[in-house]
Amino acid sequence: MRAILLLASLGLLAAVALGGSIRRAEIDTKTVLSEIDQHPFGNALISMVALHLSTNGPLEEIIVLLNQLTSQLNKQQEEDDENNRTNQASCEENIRNFQNQISTLTAQRNENIKLRDITQASLNIAEKDLRETINALNLNQQRLTQGQAQRDQEHNEYTNALAEHQQGIKALDGAIQLLNHLQSGTSFVQLKKRFERVTAELLE
């Protein structure tokens, strides 16, 4: 009877200590002990109790030992729960930080995309203005070349006309001098060669 009570108590205490979900009202002591014996810790506990019973040790010592083990397991469970809560809080804080970083980086990425688009648009406008400037420069260069050619042509024409005018003025001066000689009484025979030269110059 002493052994049965001890094993029943052991089964219930060990079931609680091992965190099992066994309902005491539905499972008998034998079934509980069988399930506990399949667990490494439960097997060691039952073996220790069996050894104690075989030496006829006091029942109170086993109960005290079981209570101590239960207390230690409960304390360990509380510590594990606290560590779990701490870890959960830390993980949640890390998740919030990561989410904030993701939001910040996403906003920066969007701003960079906008800046890139603005810069690209400005670059396109600048390239268009550059092309138009180059075209205008080429056109002005062509006009300058044409103007230079026209100026050279007009200058040549002016030079030729000037030479002709100067030659005409010289011929007229000769003719005036020839007429002055005729009026002064010089004979035509004396001035014939000179007259022919002046006439030739006037006809050129």
Protein backbone atom coordinates (compact mmCIF):
# COMPACT_ATOMS: atom_id res chain seq x y z
CA MET A 1 0.00 0.00 0.00
CA ARG A 2 2.88 2.37 0.86
CA ALA A 3 4.49 1.72 -2.53
CA ILE A 4 1.21 2.27 -4.45
CA LEU A 5 0.57 5.61 -2.72
CA LEU A 6 4.12 6.68 -3.33
CA LEU A 7 3.99 5.73 -7.02
CA ALA A 8 0.65 7.48 -7.46
CA SER A 9 2.04 10.63 -5.85
CA LEU A 10 5.17 10.25 -7.90
CA GLY A 11 3.10 9.94 -11.09
CA LEU A 12 1.07 13.04 -10.36
CA LEU A 13 4.06 15.13 -9.25
CA ALA A 14 6.20 13.97 -12.16
CA ALA A 15 3.39 14.63 -14.62
CA VAL A 16 3.18 18.20 -13.34
CA ALA A 17 6.99 18.54 -13.25
CA LEU A 18 7.33 17.28 -16.84
CA GLY A 19 4.66 19.67 -18.08
CA GLY A 20 2.37 16.90 -19.36
CA SER A 21 -1.25 17.52 -20.31
CA ILE A 22 -2.55 14.39 -18.58
CA ARG A 23 -5.99 14.71 -17.01
CA ARG A 24 -5.87 12.97 -13.67
CA ALA A 25 -9.54 12.05 -13.67
CA GLU A 26 -9.34 10.19 -16.98
CA ILE A 27 -5.97 8.35 -16.82
CA ASP A 28 -5.11 5.85 -14.11
CA THR A 29 -1.87 5.81 -12.16
CA LYS A 30 -0.47 2.88 -14.08
CA THR A 31 -0.94 4.65 -17.41
CA VAL A 32 0.61 7.84 -16.03
CA LEU A 33 3.63 5.94 -14.74
CA SER A 34 3.99 4.15 -18.07
CA GLU A 35 4.05 7.42 -19.98
CA ILE A 36 6.41 9.01 -17.46
CA ASP A 37 8.77 6.04 -17.70
CA GLN A 38 9.11 6.71 -21.46
CA HIS A 39 10.61 10.14 -20.73
CA PRO A 40 14.37 10.18 -19.84
CA PHE A 41 13.81 12.37 -16.79
CA GLY A 42 10.74 10.39 -15.74
CA ASN A 43 12.60 7.09 -16.12
CA ALA A 44 15.46 8.37 -13.95
CA LEU A 45 12.97 9.61 -11.36
CA ILE A 46 11.10 6.30 -11.18
CA SER A 47 14.39 4.40 -10.97
CA MET A 48 15.49 6.61 -8.07
CA VAL A 49 12.19 6.04 -6.24
CA ALA A 50 12.36 2.31 -6.87
CA LEU A 51 15.90 2.26 -5.48
CA HIS A 52 14.78 4.21 -2.44
CA LEU A 53 11.88 1.83 -1.85
CA SER A 54 14.14 -1.17 -2.16
CA THR A 55 16.23 0.18 0.73
CA ASN A 56 13.10 0.79 2.85
CA GLY A 57 13.85 4.54 3.04
CA PRO A 58 11.26 6.82 4.71
CA LEU A 59 8.37 7.87 2.49
CA GLU A 60 8.66 11.46 3.66
CA GLU A 61 12.15 11.75 2.20
CA ILE A 62 10.89 10.86 -1.28
CA ILE A 63 7.98 13.29 -0.96
CA VAL A 64 10.35 16.02 0.19
CA LEU A 65 12.66 15.18 -2.70
CA LEU A 66 9.77 15.26 -5.17
CA ASN A 67 8.61 18.58 -3.79
CA GLN A 68 12.12 19.96 -4.13
CA LEU A 69 12.37 18.74 -7.68
CA THR A 70 8.94 20.16 -8.47
CA SER A 71 9.96 23.49 -6.92
CA GLN A 72 13.19 23.53 -8.89
CA LEU A 73 11.36 22.67 -12.10
CA ASN A 74 8.75 25.36 -11.45
CA LYS A 75 11.49 27.88 -10.74
CA GLN A 76 13.34 26.83 -13.88
CA GLN A 77 10.11 27.15 -15.82
CA GLU A 78 9.53 30.64 -14.41
CA GLU A 79 13.06 31.62 -15.36
CA ASP A 80 12.55 30.16 -18.83
CA ASP A 81 9.26 32.04 -19.13
CA GLU A 82 10.93 35.27 -18.07
CA ASN A 83 13.78 34.69 -20.51
CA ASN A 84 11.24 33.96 -23.20
CA ARG A 85 9.35 37.18 -22.43
CA THR A 86 12.62 39.11 -22.50
CA ASN A 87 13.60 37.51 -25.79
CA GLN A 88 10.15 38.17 -27.23
CA ALA A 89 10.33 41.82 -26.20
CA SER A 90 13.83 42.11 -27.66
CA CYS A 91 12.72 40.46 -30.90
CA GLU A 92 9.69 42.74 -31.14
CA GLU A 93 11.93 45.76 -30.55
CA ASN A 94 14.33 44.53 -33.24
CA ILE A 95 11.42 43.98 -35.61
CA ARG A 96 10.17 47.54 -34.98
CA ASN A 97 13.68 48.89 -35.55
CA PHE A 98 14.04 46.90 -38.77
CA GLN A 99 10.63 48.08 -39.93
CA ASN A 100 11.61 51.69 -39.20
CA GLN A 101 14.89 51.20 -41.06
CA ILE A 102 13.03 49.66 -43.99
CA SER A 103 10.61 52.60 -44.03
CA THR A 104 13.48 55.10 -43.89
CA LEU A 105 15.46 53.32 -46.61
CA THR A 106 12.34 53.00 -48.76
CA ALA A 107 11.68 56.74 -48.42
CA GLN A 108 15.32 57.48 -49.29
CA ARG A 109 15.09 55.18 -52.30
CA ASN A 110 11.94 56.94 -53.50
CA GLU A 111 13.60 60.36 -53.05
CA ASN A 112 16.65 59.13 -54.97
CA ILE A 113 14.41 57.88 -57.76
CA LYS A 114 12.71 61.29 -57.93
CA LEU A 115 16.09 63.04 -57.93
CA ARG A 116 17.32 60.69 -60.65
CA ASP A 117 14.25 61.42 -62.78
CA ILE A 118 14.64 65.19 -62.27
CA THR A 119 18.35 64.97 -63.09
CA GLN A 120 17.63 62.87 -66.17
CA ALA A 121 15.03 65.39 -67.34
CA SER A 122 17.49 68.25 -66.80
CA LEU A 123 20.14 66.29 -68.68
CA ASN A 124 17.77 65.73 -71.59
CA ILE A 125 16.99 69.47 -71.72
CA ALA A 126 20.69 70.35 -71.50
CA GLU A 127 21.53 67.91 -74.32
CA LYS A 128 18.75 69.38 -76.46
CA ASP A 129 20.02 72.93 -75.78
CA LEU A 130 23.55 71.80 -76.61
CA ARG A 131 22.44 70.31 -79.92
CA GLU A 132 20.57 73.50 -80.79
CA THR A 133 23.59 75.62 -79.84
CA ILE A 134 25.89 73.45 -81.96
CA ASN A 135 23.49 73.72 -84.91
CA ALA A 136 23.31 77.50 -84.49
CA LEU A 137 27.09 77.67 -84.26
CA ASN A 138 27.49 75.63 -87.44
CA LEU A 139 24.95 77.82 -89.21
CA ASN A 140 26.75 80.98 -88.10
CA GLN A 141 30.05 79.48 -89.24
CA GLN A 142 28.54 78.79 -92.65
CA ARG A 143 27.19 82.33 -92.82
CA LEU A 144 30.55 83.67 -91.74
CA THR A 145 32.29 81.67 -94.46
CA GLN A 146 29.79 82.85 -97.04
CA GLY A 147 30.12 86.44 -95.82
CA GLN A 148 33.91 86.21 -95.99
CA ALA A 149 33.72 84.90 -99.54
CA GLN A 150 31.28 87.63 -100.54
CA ARG A 151 33.47 90.31 -98.92
CA ASP A 152 36.56 89.02 -100.75
CA GLN A 153 34.65 89.02 -104.02
CA GLU A 154 33.35 92.55 -103.45
CA HIS A 155 36.83 93.69 -102.44
CA ASN A 156 38.30 92.27 -105.63
CA GLU A 157 35.59 93.94 -107.65
CA TYR A 158 36.26 97.23 -105.85
CA THR A 159 40.00 96.90 -106.43
CA ASN A 160 39.48 96.27 -110.13
CA ALA A 161 37.00 99.14 -110.40
CA LEU A 162 39.38 101.43 -108.55
CA ALA A 163 42.19 100.52 -110.90
CA GLU A 164 39.97 101.21 -113.88
CA HIS A 165 38.88 104.54 -112.42
CA GLN A 166 42.45 105.53 -111.73
CA GLN A 167 43.43 104.56 -115.26
CA GLY A 168 40.47 106.54 -116.63
CA ILE A 169 41.43 109.57 -114.53
CA LYS A 170 45.01 109.31 -115.81
CA ALA A 171 43.78 109.10 -119.40
CA LEU A 172 41.53 112.13 -118.84
CA ASP A 173 44.43 114.07 -117.36
CA GLY A 174 46.46 113.24 -120.46
CA ALA A 175 43.64 114.36 -122.71
CA ILE A 176 43.29 117.64 -120.78
CA GLN A 177 47.01 118.27 -121.06
CA LEU A 178 46.85 117.47 -124.79
CA LEU A 179 44.04 119.96 -125.30
CA ASN A 180 45.94 122.58 -123.33
CA HIS A 181 48.93 122.12 -125.66
CA LEU A 182 46.71 122.47 -128.72
CA GLN A 183 45.21 125.64 -127.31
CA SER A 184 48.66 127.03 -126.58
CA GLY A 185 49.54 126.72 -130.28
CA THR A 186 51.39 123.48 -130.46
CA SER A 187 50.88 121.80 -133.82
CA PHE A 188 48.88 118.60 -134.11
CA VAL A 189 51.75 116.93 -135.89
CA GLN A 190 53.93 117.39 -132.85
CA LEU A 191 51.25 115.97 -130.61
CA LYS A 192 50.12 113.15 -132.89
CA LYS A 193 51.86 110.29 -131.11
CA ARG A 194 50.77 111.61 -127.76
CA PHE A 195 47.24 112.05 -129.08
CA GLU A 196 47.16 108.42 -130.26
CA ARG A 197 48.39 107.19 -126.86
CA VAL A 198 45.77 109.21 -124.95
CA THR A 199 43.05 108.03 -127.31
CA ALA A 200 44.09 104.42 -126.77
CA GLU A 201 44.00 104.89 -122.99
CA LEU A 202 40.54 106.42 -123.14
CA LEU A 203 39.27 103.56 -125.27
CA GLU A 204 40.55 100.85 -122.95
